[in-house]
PDB file of N, CA and C in Angstrom:
ATOM      1  N   UNK A   1      65.422 146.693 -55.089  1.00  0.00           N
ATOM      2  CA  UNK A   1      65.691 147.766 -56.593  1.00  0.00           C
ATOM      3  C   UNK A   1      65.561 149.326 -56.052  1.00  0.00           C
ATOM      4  N   UNK A   2      67.052 149.865 -56.691  1.00  0.00           N
ATOM      5  CA  UNK A   2      66.815 150.975 -55.932  1.00  0.00           C
ATOM      6  C   UNK A   2      65.878 152.411 -56.161  1.00  0.00           C
ATOM      7  N   UNK A   3      66.205 152.880 -55.203  1.00  0.00           N
ATOM      8  CA  UNK A   3      65.283 154.174 -55.270  1.00  0.00           C
ATOM      9  C   UNK A   3      65.483 155.071 -55.764  1.00  0.00           C
ATOM     10  N   UNK A   4      65.030 155.998 -56.509  1.00  0.00           N
ATOM     11  CA  UNK A   4      65.369 157.170 -57.685  1.00  0.00           C
ATOM     12  C   UNK A   4      65.002 158.229 -56.816  1.00  0.00           C
ATOM     13  N   UNK A   5      66.309 159.658 -57.228  1.00  0.00           N
ATOM     14  CA  UNK A   5      65.638 160.616 -56.958  1.00  0.00           C
ATOM     15  C   UNK A   5      64.370 161.526 -56.767  1.00  0.00           C
ATOM     16  N   UNK A   6      63.940 161.439 -58.250  1.00  0.00           N
ATOM     17  CA  UNK A   6      62.319 161.478 -58.971  1.00  0.00           C
ATOM     18  C   UNK A   6      61.393 161.050 -57.996  1.00  0.00           C
ATOM     19  N   UNK A   7      61.643 159.664 -57.326  1.00  0.00           N
ATOM     20  CA  UNK A   7      60.320 159.462 -56.350  1.00  0.00           C
ATOM     21  C   UNK A   7      60.286 159.866 -54.899  1.00  0.00           C
ATOM     22  N   UNK A   8      61.647 160.098 -54.573  1.00  0.00           N
ATOM     23  CA  UNK A   8      61.785 160.976 -53.256  1.00  0.00           C
ATOM     24  C   UNK A   8      61.222 162.268 -53.385  1.00  0.00           C
ATOM     25  N   UNK A   9      61.593 162.924 -54.539  1.00  0.00           N
ATOM     26  CA  UNK A   9      61.121 164.301 -54.758  1.00  0.00           C
ATOM     27  C   UNK A   9      59.576 164.765 -54.738  1.00  0.00           C
ATOM     28  N   UNK A  10      59.228 163.605 -55.464  1.00  0.00           N
ATOM     29  CA  UNK A  10      57.810 163.880 -55.860  1.00  0.00           C
ATOM     30  C   UNK A  10      56.885 163.286 -54.108  1.00  0.00           C
ATOM     31  N   UNK A  11      57.311 162.331 -53.672  1.00  0.00           N
ATOM     32  CA  UNK A  11      56.770 161.886 -52.826  1.00  0.00           C
ATOM     33  C   UNK A  11      56.932 162.998 -51.667  1.00  0.00           C
ATOM     34  N   UNK A  12      58.037 163.805 -51.552  1.00  0.00           N
ATOM     35  CA  UNK A  12      58.284 164.856 -50.703  1.00  0.00           C
ATOM     36  C   UNK A  12      57.489 166.127 -50.613  1.00  0.00           C
ATOM     37  N   UNK A  13      57.413 166.587 -51.742  1.00  0.00           N
ATOM     38  CA  UNK A  13      56.515 167.612 -52.721  1.00  0.00           C
ATOM     39  C   UNK A  13      55.165 167.036 -52.579  1.00  0.00           C
ATOM     40  N   UNK A  14      54.726 165.899 -52.496  1.00  0.00           N
ATOM     41  CA  UNK A  14      53.233 166.205 -52.417  1.00  0.00           C
ATOM     42  C   UNK A  14      52.724 165.639 -50.872  1.00  0.00           C
ATOM     43  N   UNK A  15      53.394 165.685 -50.241  1.00  0.00           N
ATOM     44  CA  UNK A  15      53.209 165.655 -48.264  1.00  0.00           C
ATOM     45  C   UNK A  15      53.880 167.139 -47.766  1.00  0.00           C
ATOM     46  N   UNK A  16      54.320 167.817 -48.626  1.00  0.00           N
ATOM     47  CA  UNK A  16      54.934 168.933 -47.830  1.00  0.00           C
ATOM     48  C   UNK A  16      54.595 170.098 -48.476  1.00  0.00           C
ATOM     49  N   UNK A  17      54.708 171.351 -48.041  1.00  0.00           N
ATOM     50  CA  UNK A  17      54.874 172.893 -48.701  1.00  0.00           C
ATOM     51  C   UNK A  17      56.247 172.767 -48.725  1.00  0.00           C
ATOM     52  N   UNK A  18      57.059 172.710 -49.527  1.00  0.00           N
ATOM     53  CA  UNK A  18      58.642 172.590 -49.768  1.00  0.00           C
ATOM     54  C   UNK A  18      59.274 174.496 -50.271  1.00  0.00           C
ATOM     55  N   UNK A  19      59.933 174.863 -49.973  1.00  0.00           N
ATOM     56  CA  UNK A  19      60.425 176.219 -49.828  1.00  0.00           C
ATOM     57  C   UNK A  19      62.205 175.722 -50.156  1.00  0.00           C
ATOM     58  N   UNK A  20      62.452 174.779 -50.448  1.00  0.00           N
ATOM     59  CA  UNK A  20      63.929 174.601 -50.587  1.00  0.00           C
ATOM     60  C   UNK A  20      63.937 173.193 -50.447  1.00  0.00           C
ATOM     61  N   UNK A  21      64.728 172.009 -51.060  1.00  0.00           N
ATOM     62  CA  UNK A  21      64.775 170.845 -51.141  1.00  0.00           C
ATOM     63  C   UNK A  21      66.029 170.274 -51.716  1.00  0.00           C
ATOM     64  N   UNK A  22      66.938 169.726 -50.932  1.00  0.00           N
ATOM     65  CA  UNK A  22      68.223 169.150 -51.538  1.00  0.00           C
ATOM     66  C   UNK A  22      67.835 167.490 -51.501  1.00  0.00           C
ATOM     67  N   UNK A  23      68.656 167.175 -52.606  1.00  0.00           N
ATOM     68  CA  UNK A  23      68.532 165.127 -52.759  1.00  0.00           C
ATOM     69  C   UNK A  23      69.735 164.762 -53.326  1.00  0.00           C
ATOM     70  N   UNK A  24      70.620 164.409 -51.851  1.00  0.00           N
ATOM     71  CA  UNK A  24      72.027 163.682 -52.827  1.00  0.00           C
ATOM     72  C   UNK A  24      71.888 162.666 -52.662  1.00  0.00           C
ATOM     73  N   UNK A  25      72.129 161.449 -53.660  1.00  0.00           N
ATOM     74  CA  UNK A  25      73.100 160.160 -53.548  1.00  0.00           C
ATOM     75  C   UNK A  25      74.067 160.120 -53.364  1.00  0.00           C
ATOM     76  N   UNK A  26      74.061 159.978 -52.180  1.00  0.00           N
ATOM     77  CA  UNK A  26      75.663 159.427 -51.552  1.00  0.00           C
ATOM     78  C   UNK A  26      76.147 157.966 -52.123  1.00  0.00           C
ATOM     79  N   UNK A  27      75.316 156.689 -52.766  1.00  0.00           N
ATOM     80  CA  UNK A  27      75.731 155.869 -53.205  1.00  0.00           C
ATOM     81  C   UNK A  27      76.494 155.678 -54.586  1.00  0.00           C
ATOM     82  N   UNK A  28      76.879 156.960 -55.345  1.00  0.00           N
ATOM     83  CA  UNK A  28      77.136 157.653 -56.587  1.00  0.00           C
ATOM     84  C   UNK A  28      76.538 156.409 -57.376  1.00  0.00           C
ATOM     85  N   UNK A  29      74.822 156.818 -57.191  1.00  0.00           N
ATOM     86  CA  UNK A  29      74.261 156.612 -58.126  1.00  0.00           C
ATOM     87  C   UNK A  29      73.072 155.308 -58.250  1.00  0.00           C
ATOM     88  N   UNK A  30      73.541 154.783 -56.990  1.00  0.00           N
ATOM     89  CA  UNK A  30      72.986 152.940 -57.120  1.00  0.00           C
ATOM     90  C   UNK A  30      71.624 153.592 -56.205  1.00  0.00           C
ATOM     91  N   UNK A  31      71.214 154.498 -55.796  1.00  0.00           N
ATOM     92  CA  UNK A  31      70.137 154.550 -54.981  1.00  0.00           C
ATOM     93  C   UNK A  31      69.801 154.100 -53.458  1.00  0.00           C
ATOM     94  N   UNK A  32      71.122 153.813 -53.097  1.00  0.00           N
ATOM     95  CA  UNK A  32      71.117 152.834 -51.373  1.00  0.00           C
ATOM     96  C   UNK A  32      71.105 153.847 -50.576  1.00  0.00           C
ATOM     97  N   UNK A  33      72.032 154.539 -50.760  1.00  0.00           N
ATOM     98  CA  UNK A  33      72.166 155.921 -50.067  1.00  0.00           C
ATOM     99  C   UNK A  33      71.822 157.460 -50.278  1.00  0.00           C
ATOM    100  N   UNK A  34      70.794 157.973 -49.306  1.00  0.00           N
ATOM    101  CA  UNK A  34      70.070 159.386 -49.760  1.00  0.00           C
ATOM    102  C   UNK A  34      70.424 160.388 -48.615  1.00  0.00           C
ATOM    103  N   UNK A  35      70.734 161.402 -48.631  1.00  0.00           N
ATOM    104  CA  UNK A  35      70.838 162.363 -47.716  1.00  0.00           C
ATOM    105  C   UNK A  35      69.821 163.732 -48.098  1.00  0.00           C
ATOM    106  N   UNK A  36      69.220 164.202 -47.379  1.00  0.00           N
ATOM    107  CA  UNK A  36      68.123 165.230 -47.933  1.00  0.00           C
ATOM    108  C   UNK A  36      68.165 166.345 -47.028  1.00  0.00           C
ATOM    109  N   UNK A  37      68.195 167.485 -47.069  1.00  0.00           N
ATOM    110  CA  UNK A  37      67.865 168.660 -46.383  1.00  0.00           C
ATOM    111  C   UNK A  37      66.805 169.238 -46.894  1.00  0.00           C
ATOM    112  N   UNK A  38      65.546 169.163 -46.115  1.00  0.00           N
ATOM    113  CA  UNK A  38      64.174 169.847 -46.424  1.00  0.00           C
ATOM    114  C   UNK A  38      63.783 171.291 -45.498  1.00  0.00           C
ATOM    115  N   UNK A  39      63.606 172.242 -46.265  1.00  0.00           N
ATOM    116  CA  UNK A  39      62.894 173.557 -45.836  1.00  0.00           C
ATOM    117  C   UNK A  39      61.666 173.656 -45.793  1.00  0.00           C
ATOM    118  N   UNK A  40      60.717 173.866 -44.854  1.00  0.00           N
ATOM    119  CA  UNK A  40      59.353 173.671 -44.821  1.00  0.00           C
ATOM    120  C   UNK A  40      58.810 174.332 -43.818  1.00  0.00           C
ATOM    121  N   UNK A  41      57.573 174.959 -44.053  1.00  0.00           N
ATOM    122  CA  UNK A  41      56.839 176.015 -43.259  1.00  0.00           C
ATOM    123  C   UNK A  41      56.316 174.755 -42.392  1.00  0.00           C
ATOM    124  N   UNK A  42      55.766 173.816 -43.014  1.00  0.00           N
ATOM    125  CA  UNK A  42      55.139 172.552 -41.982  1.00  0.00           C
ATOM    126  C   UNK A  42      55.975 172.026 -40.916  1.00  0.00           C
ATOM    127  N   UNK A  43      56.968 172.651 -40.719  1.00  0.00           N
ATOM    128  CA  UNK A  43      58.012 172.189 -39.651  1.00  0.00           C
ATOM    129  C   UNK A  43      58.080 173.201 -38.214  1.00  0.00           C
ATOM    130  N   UNK A  44      57.231 174.082 -38.597  1.00  0.00           N
ATOM    131  CA  UNK A  44      57.044 175.119 -37.725  1.00  0.00           C
ATOM    132  C   UNK A  44      56.648 174.308 -36.472  1.00  0.00           C
ATOM    133  N   UNK A  45      56.830 174.972 -35.343  1.00  0.00           N
ATOM    134  CA  UNK A  45      56.953 174.565 -34.182  1.00  0.00           C
ATOM    135  C   UNK A  45      57.118 173.195 -34.016  1.00  0.00           C
ATOM    136  N   UNK A  46      57.458 172.218 -34.473  1.00  0.00           N
ATOM    137  CA  UNK A  46      57.550 170.984 -34.134  1.00  0.00           C
ATOM    138  C   UNK A  46      59.186 170.546 -33.979  1.00  0.00           C
ATOM    139  N   UNK A  47      59.429 169.843 -33.240  1.00  0.00           N
ATOM    140  CA  UNK A  47      61.059 169.664 -32.451  1.00  0.00           C
ATOM    141  C   UNK A  47      61.633 168.736 -33.990  1.00  0.00           C
ATOM    142  N   UNK A  48      62.913 168.674 -34.097  1.00  0.00           N
ATOM    143  CA  UNK A  48      63.297 168.118 -34.664  1.00  0.00           C
ATOM    144  C   UNK A  48      63.214 166.598 -34.855  1.00  0.00           C
ATOM    145  N   UNK A  49      62.874 165.667 -33.870  1.00  0.00           N
ATOM    146  CA  UNK A  49      62.510 164.604 -33.566  1.00  0.00           C
ATOM    147  C   UNK A  49      60.911 164.552 -34.207  1.00  0.00           C
ATOM    148  N   UNK A  50      60.135 165.334 -34.271  1.00  0.00           N
ATOM    149  CA  UNK A  50      59.022 165.195 -34.745  1.00  0.00           C
ATOM    150  C   UNK A  50      58.928 165.296 -36.462  1.00  0.00           C
ATOM    151  N   UNK A  51      59.516 165.993 -36.742  1.00  0.00           N
ATOM    152  CA  UNK A  51      60.251 166.711 -38.006  1.00  0.00           C
ATOM    153  C   UNK A  51      60.499 165.351 -38.869  1.00  0.00           C
ATOM    154  N   UNK A  52      61.371 164.459 -37.955  1.00  0.00           N
ATOM    155  CA  UNK A  52      62.411 163.486 -38.724  1.00  0.00           C
ATOM    156  C   UNK A  52      60.827 162.417 -38.936  1.00  0.00           C
ATOM    157  N   UNK A  53      60.456 161.940 -37.760  1.00  0.00           N
ATOM    158  CA  UNK A  53      59.177 161.425 -37.758  1.00  0.00           C
ATOM    159  C   UNK A  53      58.507 161.767 -39.203  1.00  0.00           C
ATOM    160  N   UNK A  54      58.052 162.296 -39.412  1.00  0.00           N
ATOM    161  CA  UNK A  54      56.957 162.962 -40.538  1.00  0.00           C
ATOM    162  C   UNK A  54      57.652 162.751 -41.835  1.00  0.00           C
ATOM    163  N   UNK A  55      59.223 162.856 -42.120  1.00  0.00           N
ATOM    164  CA  UNK A  55      59.779 162.853 -43.350  1.00  0.00           C
ATOM    165  C   UNK A  55      59.918 160.803 -43.332  1.00  0.00           C
ATOM    166  N   UNK A  56      60.357 160.224 -42.108  1.00  0.00           N
ATOM    167  CA  UNK A  56      60.204 158.831 -42.290  1.00  0.00           C
ATOM    168  C   UNK A  56      58.980 158.369 -42.692  1.00  0.00           C
ATOM    169  N   UNK A  57      57.893 158.794 -41.845  1.00  0.00           N
ATOM    170  CA  UNK A  57      56.912 158.083 -42.372  1.00  0.00           C
ATOM    171  C   UNK A  57      56.520 158.553 -43.810  1.00  0.00           C
ATOM    172  N   UNK A  58      56.501 159.481 -43.930  1.00  0.00           N
ATOM    173  CA  UNK A  58      56.195 159.723 -45.444  1.00  0.00           C
ATOM    174  C   UNK A  58      56.784 159.121 -46.541  1.00  0.00           C
ATOM    175  N   UNK A  59      58.192 158.674 -46.500  1.00  0.00           N
ATOM    176  CA  UNK A  59      59.205 157.759 -47.273  1.00  0.00           C
ATOM    177  C   UNK A  59      59.280 156.302 -46.616  1.00  0.00           C
ATOM    178  N   UNK A  60      58.631 156.061 -45.753  1.00  0.00           N
ATOM    179  CA  UNK A  60      59.095 154.411 -45.167  1.00  0.00           C
ATOM    180  C   UNK A  60      58.856 153.827 -46.177  1.00  0.00           C
ATOM    181  N   UNK A  61      58.375 153.278 -47.211  1.00  0.00           N
ATOM    182  CA  UNK A  61      58.574 152.648 -48.351  1.00  0.00           C
ATOM    183  C   UNK A  61      59.783 152.807 -49.030  1.00  0.00           C
ATOM    184  N   UNK A  62      60.080 153.755 -49.228  1.00  0.00           N
ATOM    185  CA  UNK A  62      61.481 154.337 -49.905  1.00  0.00           C
ATOM    186  C   UNK A  62      62.589 153.702 -49.215  1.00  0.00           C
ATOM    187  N   UNK A  63      62.404 154.020 -47.707  1.00  0.00           N
ATOM    188  CA  UNK A  63      63.691 153.868 -46.805  1.00  0.00           C
ATOM    189  C   UNK A  63      63.733 152.604 -46.660  1.00  0.00           C
ATOM    190  N   UNK A  64      62.694 151.566 -46.566  1.00  0.00           N
ATOM    191  CA  UNK A  64      63.196 150.348 -46.352  1.00  0.00           C
ATOM    192  C   UNK A  64      64.005 149.695 -47.475  1.00  0.00           C
ATOM    193  N   UNK A  65      63.883 150.515 -48.595  1.00  0.00           N
ATOM    194  CA  UNK A  65      64.884 149.957 -49.693  1.00  0.00           C
ATOM    195  C   UNK A  65      66.276 150.360 -49.502  1.00  0.00           C
ATOM    196  N   UNK A  66      66.499 151.154 -48.610  1.00  0.00           N
ATOM    197  CA  UNK A  66      67.524 151.896 -48.877  1.00  0.00           C
ATOM    198  C   UNK A  66      68.250 151.290 -48.070  1.00  0.00           C
ATOM    199  N   UNK A  67      69.940 151.565 -47.844  1.00  0.00           N
ATOM    200  CA  UNK A  67      70.859 150.892 -46.791  1.00  0.00           C
ATOM    201  C   UNK A  67      71.041 151.989 -45.957  1.00  0.00           C
ATOM    202  N   UNK A  68      70.950 153.467 -46.365  1.00  0.00           N
ATOM    203  CA  UNK A  68      71.251 154.749 -45.232  1.00  0.00           C
ATOM    204  C   UNK A  68      70.571 155.753 -45.863  1.00  0.00           C
ATOM    205  N   UNK A  69      69.892 156.573 -45.037  1.00  0.00           N
ATOM    206  CA  UNK A  69      69.165 157.498 -44.738  1.00  0.00           C
ATOM    207  C   UNK A  69      69.365 158.856 -43.920  1.00  0.00           C
ATOM    208  N   UNK A  70      70.011 159.545 -44.397  1.00  0.00           N
ATOM    209  CA  UNK A  70      70.015 160.496 -43.311  1.00  0.00           C
ATOM    210  C   UNK A  70      69.364 162.048 -43.674  1.00  0.00           C
ATOM    211  N   UNK A  71      68.549 162.975 -43.128  1.00  0.00           N
ATOM    212  CA  UNK A  71      68.112 164.002 -43.327  1.00  0.00           C
ATOM    213  C   UNK A  71      68.503 165.410 -42.388  1.00  0.00           C
ATOM    214  N   UNK A  72      68.675 166.729 -42.472  1.00  0.00           N
ATOM    215  CA  UNK A  72      68.139 167.546 -41.973  1.00  0.00           C
ATOM    216  C   UNK A  72      66.847 168.617 -42.407  1.00  0.00           C
ATOM    217  N   UNK A  73      66.331 169.000 -41.535  1.00  0.00           N
ATOM    218  CA  UNK A  73      65.234 169.938 -41.739  1.00  0.00           C
ATOM    219  C   UNK A  73      65.160 170.770 -41.238  1.00  0.00           C
ATOM    220  N   UNK A  74      64.830 171.985 -41.820  1.00  0.00           N
ATOM    221  CA  UNK A  74      64.474 173.599 -41.235  1.00  0.00           C
ATOM    222  C   UNK A  74      62.943 174.226 -41.702  1.00  0.00           C
ATOM    223  N   UNK A  75      62.974 175.125 -40.704  1.00  0.00           N
ATOM    224  CA  UNK A  75      61.984 176.026 -40.956  1.00  0.00           C
ATOM    225  C   UNK A  75      62.671 177.326 -42.253  1.00  0.00           C
ATOM    226  N   UNK A  76      61.744 177.943 -42.750  1.00  0.00           N
ATOM    227  CA  UNK A  76      62.474 178.895 -43.677  1.00  0.00           C
ATOM    228  C   UNK A  76      63.018 179.718 -42.793  1.00  0.00           C
ATOM    229  N   UNK A  77      63.348 180.439 -41.592  1.00  0.00           N
ATOM    230  CA  UNK A  77      63.840 181.354 -40.522  1.00  0.00           C
ATOM    231  C   UNK A  77      64.977 180.778 -39.797  1.00  0.00           C
ATOM    232  N   UNK A  78      64.669 179.017 -39.839  1.00  0.00           N
ATOM    233  CA  UNK A  78      66.120 178.444 -39.314  1.00  0.00           C
ATOM    234  C   UNK A  78      67.128 178.455 -40.643  1.00  0.00           C
ATOM    235  N   UNK A  79      66.577 178.411 -41.933  1.00  0.00           N
ATOM    236  CA  UNK A  79      67.155 177.667 -43.172  1.00  0.00           C
ATOM    237  C   UNK A  79      68.264 179.312 -43.251  1.00  0.00           C
ATOM    238  N   UNK A  80      67.378 180.344 -43.030  1.00  0.00           N
ATOM    239  CA  UNK A  80      68.308 181.897 -43.252  1.00  0.00           C
ATOM    240  C   UNK A  80      69.304 181.905 -42.937  1.00  0.00           C
ATOM    241  N   UNK A  81      68.789 181.553 -41.508  1.00  0.00           N
ATOM    242  CA  UNK A  81      70.161 181.837 -40.554  1.00  0.00           C
ATOM    243  C   UNK A  81      71.366 180.860 -40.585  1.00  0.00           C
ATOM    244  N   UNK A  82      71.030 179.627 -40.954  1.00  0.00           N
ATOM    245  CA  UNK A  82      71.765 178.425 -41.360  1.00  0.00           C
ATOM    246  C   UNK A  82      72.506 178.958 -42.330  1.00  0.00           C
ATOM    247  N   UNK A  83      72.054 179.197 -43.034  1.00  0.00           N
ATOM    248  CA  UNK A  83      72.988 180.329 -44.909  1.00  0.00           C
ATOM    249  C   UNK A  83      73.699 181.294 -44.322  1.00  0.00           C
ATOM    250  N   UNK A  84      73.275 181.642 -43.323  1.00  0.00           N
ATOM    251  CA  UNK A  84      74.044 183.193 -42.788  1.00  0.00           C
ATOM    252  C   UNK A  84      74.983 182.581 -42.036  1.00  0.00           C
ATOM    253  N   UNK A  85      75.288 181.894 -41.379  1.00  0.00           N
ATOM    254  CA  UNK A  85      76.296 181.386 -40.773  1.00  0.00           C
ATOM    255  C   UNK A  85      77.466 180.483 -41.422  1.00  0.00           C
ATOM    256  N   UNK A  86      76.803 180.037 -42.534  1.00  0.00           N
ATOM    257  CA  UNK A  86      77.765 179.333 -43.704  1.00  0.00           C
ATOM    258  C   UNK A  86      78.575 180.487 -43.957  1.00  0.00           C
ATOM    259  N   UNK A  87      78.546 181.825 -44.364  1.00  0.00           N
ATOM    260  CA  UNK A  87      79.338 182.615 -44.724  1.00  0.00           C
ATOM    261  C   UNK A  87      80.166 183.504 -44.525  1.00  0.00           C
TER     262      UNK A  87
END
C-alpha cells in the first residue's frame, strides 16, 4: 500500500514542533520514494545521526512500506544559514 504525503506530514507534525517542512514524492505519485526536509527546534543539541534516528523511529511503519527515504534535518538557525548560502 503506497504511503501518502498527508500521512507522513501528520506523523511528523504530531511528533515534532515544525518550523518548516517539505515532503517530496520522488516516485511520481507512487508513494514509494520520499524525501523530506524538516526544520525543528527539537533538533537543538543533537547530532545529525540522532536527528535521523528520531525521524526513522517516528516514521518506521511508513518507511517499511517505501522503497527509498531520504531526509535533511536542520535547527531553525542552521536552516537560516542554509538559505543564506543558497542565495
